[in-house]
C-alpha atoms as a PDB file:
ATOM      1  CA  MET A   1       0.173   0.092  -0.169  1.00  0.00           C
ATOM      2  CA  LEU A   2       1.369   3.456  -0.440  1.00  0.00           C
ATOM      3  CA  THR A   3       2.271   5.757   2.163  1.00  0.00           C
ATOM      4  CA  ARG A   4       0.423   8.748   3.343  1.00  0.00           C
ATOM      5  CA  GLU A   5       2.809  11.146   1.491  1.00  0.00           C
ATOM      6  CA  GLN A   6       2.822   9.319  -1.386  1.00  0.00           C
ATOM      7  CA  ILE A   7      -0.929   9.626  -1.985  1.00  0.00           C
ATOM      8  CA  VAL A   8      -0.733  13.011  -1.023  1.00  0.00           C
ATOM      9  CA  GLU A   9       2.166  13.323  -3.850  1.00  0.00           C
ATOM     10  CA  ALA A  10      -0.080  11.576  -6.252  1.00  0.00           C
ATOM     11  CA  LEU A  11      -3.200  13.462  -5.423  1.00  0.00           C
ATOM     12  CA  LYS A  12      -1.257  17.036  -5.492  1.00  0.00           C
ATOM     13  CA  LEU A  13      -0.178  16.077  -9.098  1.00  0.00           C
ATOM     14  CA  ALA A  14      -3.616  15.021 -10.415  1.00  0.00           C
ATOM     15  CA  GLU A  15      -4.695  18.713  -9.270  1.00  0.00           C
ATOM     16  CA  GLN A  16      -1.998  20.486 -10.783  1.00  0.00           C
ATOM     17  CA  ALA A  17      -3.259  18.461 -14.040  1.00  0.00           C
ATOM     18  CA  GLY A  18      -6.923  20.524 -13.821  1.00  0.00           C
ATOM     19  CA  ILE A  19      -8.689  17.204 -11.812  1.00  0.00           C
ATOM     20  CA  ALA A  20     -10.823  18.950  -8.541  1.00  0.00           C
ATOM     21  CA  LEU A  21     -10.969  16.990  -5.553  1.00  0.00           C
ATOM     22  CA  VAL A  22     -14.711  16.057  -4.593  1.00  0.00           C
ATOM     23  CA  CYS A  23     -16.328  14.106  -1.932  1.00  0.00           C
ATOM     24  CA  GLN A  24     -19.766  12.628  -1.926  1.00  0.00           C
ATOM     25  CA  GLY A  25     -20.801  11.694   1.060  1.00  0.00           C
ATOM     26  CA  ARG A  26     -24.107  10.833   2.747  1.00  0.00           C
ATOM     27  CA  ALA A  27     -26.086  13.970   4.309  1.00  0.00           C
ATOM     28  CA  PRO A  28     -29.953  14.016   5.601  1.00  0.00           C
ATOM     29  CA  GLY A  29     -31.971  14.163   2.561  1.00  0.00           C
ATOM     30  CA  GLY A  30     -29.536  12.071   0.343  1.00  0.00           C
ATOM     31  CA  TYR A  31     -26.079  13.123  -0.614  1.00  0.00           C
ATOM     32  CA  SER A  32     -23.786  16.264  -0.379  1.00  0.00           C
ATOM     33  CA  SER A  33     -20.611  17.277  -2.384  1.00  0.00           C
ATOM     34  CA  TYR A  34     -17.296  18.620  -0.986  1.00  0.00           C
ATOM     35  CA  SER A  35     -14.493  19.828  -1.840  1.00  0.00           C
ATOM     36  CA  VAL A  36     -11.471  18.462  -0.621  1.00  0.00           C
ATOM     37  CA  GLU A  37      -7.479  18.698   0.412  1.00  0.00           C
ATOM     38  CA  ALA A  38      -5.076  16.094  -1.061  1.00  0.00           C
ATOM     39  CA  GLU A  39      -3.723  15.734   2.893  1.00  0.00           C
ATOM     40  CA  ASP A  40      -7.735  15.081   4.151  1.00  0.00           C
ATOM     41  CA  VAL A  41      -8.274  12.361   1.002  1.00  0.00           C
ATOM     42  CA  ALA A  42      -4.912  10.508   2.203  1.00  0.00           C
ATOM     43  CA  ALA A  43      -5.777  10.545   5.062  1.00  0.00           C
ATOM     44  CA  HIS A  44      -9.057   9.224   4.720  1.00  0.00           C
ATOM     45  CA  ILE A  45      -7.378   6.186   2.480  1.00  0.00           C
ATOM     46  CA  VAL A  46      -4.778   5.251   5.187  1.00  0.00           C
ATOM     47  CA  GLY A  47      -7.710   4.840   7.882  1.00  0.00           C
ATOM     48  CA  GLU A  48      -6.655   8.063   9.933  1.00  0.00           C
ATOM     49  CA  ILE A  49      -9.876   9.915   9.610  1.00  0.00           C
ATOM     50  CA  ASN A  50     -13.542   9.039   8.273  1.00  0.00           C
ATOM     51  CA  LEU A  51     -13.595  12.068   5.639  1.00  0.00           C
ATOM     52  CA  PRO A  52     -17.712  12.800   5.504  1.00  0.00           C
ATOM     53  CA  ALA A  53     -18.038  12.991   9.037  1.00  0.00           C
ATOM     54  CA  HIS A  54     -14.453  15.157   9.421  1.00  0.00           C
ATOM     55  CA  LEU A  55     -16.141  17.292   6.950  1.00  0.00           C
ATOM     56  CA  ASN A  56     -18.871  17.869   8.740  1.00  0.00           C
ATOM     57  CA  GLY A  57     -17.407  18.529  11.900  1.00  0.00           C
ATOM     58  CA  LEU A  58     -18.634  15.561  13.097  1.00  0.00           C
ATOM     59  CA  SER A  59     -17.126  12.709  15.106  1.00  0.00           C
ATOM     60  CA  PRO A  60     -17.646   9.114  12.984  1.00  0.00           C
ATOM     61  CA  GLU A  61     -20.304   8.440  15.784  1.00  0.00           C
ATOM     62  CA  GLU A  62     -22.006  11.604  15.596  1.00  0.00           C
ATOM     63  CA  TYR A  63     -22.046  11.436  12.131  1.00  0.00           C
ATOM     64  CA  GLU A  64     -23.660   8.071  11.420  1.00  0.00           C
ATOM     65  CA  GLU A  65     -26.615   9.327  14.152  1.00  0.00           C
ATOM     66  CA  TRP A  66     -26.790  12.521  12.177  1.00  0.00           C
ATOM     67  CA  ILE A  67     -27.030  10.256   9.224  1.00  0.00           C
ATOM     68  CA  ARG A  68     -29.755   7.513  10.614  1.00  0.00           C
ATOM     69  CA  LEU A  69     -31.872  10.317  12.171  1.00  0.00           C
ATOM     70  CA  ASP A  70     -32.081  12.016   9.053  1.00  0.00           C
ATOM     71  CA  GLY A  71     -30.789  15.303  10.432  1.00  0.00           C
ATOM     72  CA  SER A  72     -33.170  14.808  13.266  1.00  0.00           C
ATOM     73  CA  VAL A  73     -31.994  14.834  17.409  1.00  0.00           C
ATOM     74  CA  GLN A  74     -32.857  12.184  19.226  1.00  0.00           C
ATOM     75  CA  CYS A  75     -34.819  12.817  22.735  1.00  0.00           C
ATOM     76  CA  TYR A  76     -32.453  12.234  25.767  1.00  0.00           C
ATOM     77  CA  ALA A  77     -35.312  11.347  27.846  1.00  0.00           C
ATOM     78  CA  THR A  78     -35.189   7.376  29.511  1.00  0.00           C
ATOM     79  CA  THR A  79     -38.001   5.569  29.178  1.00  0.00           C
ATOM     80  CA  GLN A  80     -39.730   3.654  32.196  1.00  0.00           C
ATOM     81  CA  GLY A  81     -38.062   0.458  30.409  1.00  0.00           C
ATOM     82  CA  GLY A  82     -34.701   2.045  30.842  1.00  0.00           C
ATOM     83  CA  ARG A  83     -34.099   2.788  27.280  1.00  0.00           C
ATOM     84  CA  ARG A  84     -33.351   6.308  25.518  1.00  0.00           C
ATOM     85  CA  CYS A  85     -36.882   7.641  24.126  1.00  0.00           C
ATOM     86  CA  LYS A  86     -36.872   7.335  20.465  1.00  0.00           C
ATOM     87  CA  GLY A  87     -38.507  10.408  20.610  1.00  0.00           C
ATOM     88  CA  CYS A  88     -37.263  13.553  18.346  1.00  0.00           C
ATOM     89  CA  ALA A  89     -36.698  16.892  19.710  1.00  0.00           C
ATOM     90  CA  PRO A  90     -38.944  19.704  18.133  1.00  0.00           C
ATOM     91  CA  GLY A  91     -37.766  21.766  15.140  1.00  0.00           C
ATOM     92  CA  GLY A  92     -38.041  18.877  12.419  1.00  0.00           C
ATOM     93  CA  SER A  93     -35.461  16.994  10.391  1.00  0.00           C
ATOM     94  CA  GLN A  94     -33.126  17.450   8.061  1.00  0.00           C
ATOM     95  CA  ARG A  95     -30.526  19.747   9.850  1.00  0.00           C
ATOM     96  CA  ASN A  96     -27.119  20.506   8.796  1.00  0.00           C
ATOM     97  CA  ALA A  97     -24.631  19.310  10.512  1.00  0.00           C
ATOM     98  CA  GLN A  98     -23.701  22.197  12.725  1.00  0.00           C
ATOM     99  CA  GLU A  99     -27.070  22.913  13.915  1.00  0.00           C
ATOM    100  CA  TRP A 100     -27.337  19.134  14.414  1.00  0.00           C
ATOM    101  CA  LYS A 101     -24.351  19.025  16.555  1.00  0.00           C
ATOM    102  CA  GLU A 102     -25.073  22.321  18.639  1.00  0.00           C
ATOM    103  CA  LEU A 103     -29.053  20.816  19.461  1.00  0.00           C
ATOM    104  CA  ASN A 104     -27.701  17.414  20.040  1.00  0.00           C
ATOM    105  CA  ASP A 105     -25.086  18.866  22.253  1.00  0.00           C
ATOM    106  CA  THR A 106     -27.940  20.737  24.368  1.00  0.00           C
ATOM    107  CA  LYS A 107     -28.887  17.088  25.017  1.00  0.00           C
ATOM    108  CA  PRO A 108     -32.774  18.003  24.437  1.00  0.00           C
ATOM    109  CA  TYR A 109     -36.307  16.310  25.139  1.00  0.00           C
ATOM    110  CA  CYS A 110     -39.165  15.971  22.904  1.00  0.00           C
ATOM    111  CA  THR A 111     -42.306  17.047  23.304  1.00  0.00           C
ATOM    112  CA  THR A 112     -43.337  14.168  25.662  1.00  0.00           C
ATOM    113  CA  HIS A 113     -40.598  14.799  27.791  1.00  0.00           C
ATOM    114  CA  GLY A 114     -41.147  18.425  28.289  1.00  0.00           C
ATOM    115  CA  GLY A 115     -38.983  19.630  25.004  1.00  0.00           C
END
């Protein structure tokens, strides 16, 4: 396998030849495209980062939750059965990553649990 440095070098040569580096990643409602740097692509290839999560400012776990919930934020209340409520905080779905993270970090409740 190529080293991270070799991958960066090859990608920079591609850029010099007029090739744009673009990542397409899952997002609520479908997919989004992002311009990317050679260093980030190389880091993803060698397993140092999860590129779509990184580009959205989320951890890999947060990214998967954001996608799974279609941009909605899950209620943080605990049910009588001891599980996390499956309801969502008010405000809709398909939030962008930053809006989702800001709301998720407040650990909100659904309307049933006082949100």
